[in-house]
Amino acid sequence: MKYCSNCGKEIFDDAVICPMCGSMQEKTEQKPVKDKMNVAWFIISFLWWWVGIILYFAFRKSNPQKAKVCISGTISAFAVAAVIGLFALGVNIIDGVFGL
């Protein structure tokens, strides 16, 4: 899959016209994105969720794949925080009920 050069939506590799915005696509070879950098962007976004949100909006149009990695790191950080919070809440409830 590649991304539309106009709107940034994901389109098929052989697409000549973007089905979302109708813009003509150039026949250019896209450079593969390095996996190590994607991991770095994910970790940065995971550790500092607010940076992930800022990076998402910064990369949203210029590099949609990188933007997707950044927002995934931010969402993952919120999910982990929610699980830890629910676990801590459960421990407190059990402690209060049983007096452990």
Foldseek 3Di string as FASTA:
>chain_A
DAAALFAGDDDDPPDQADPPPGDGGDPDDDDDDDPVVLVVLLVVCQVPVVVLVVVLVVCVNVPVVSSVSSNVSNVVNVVVVVVVVVVVVVVVVCCVVVVD
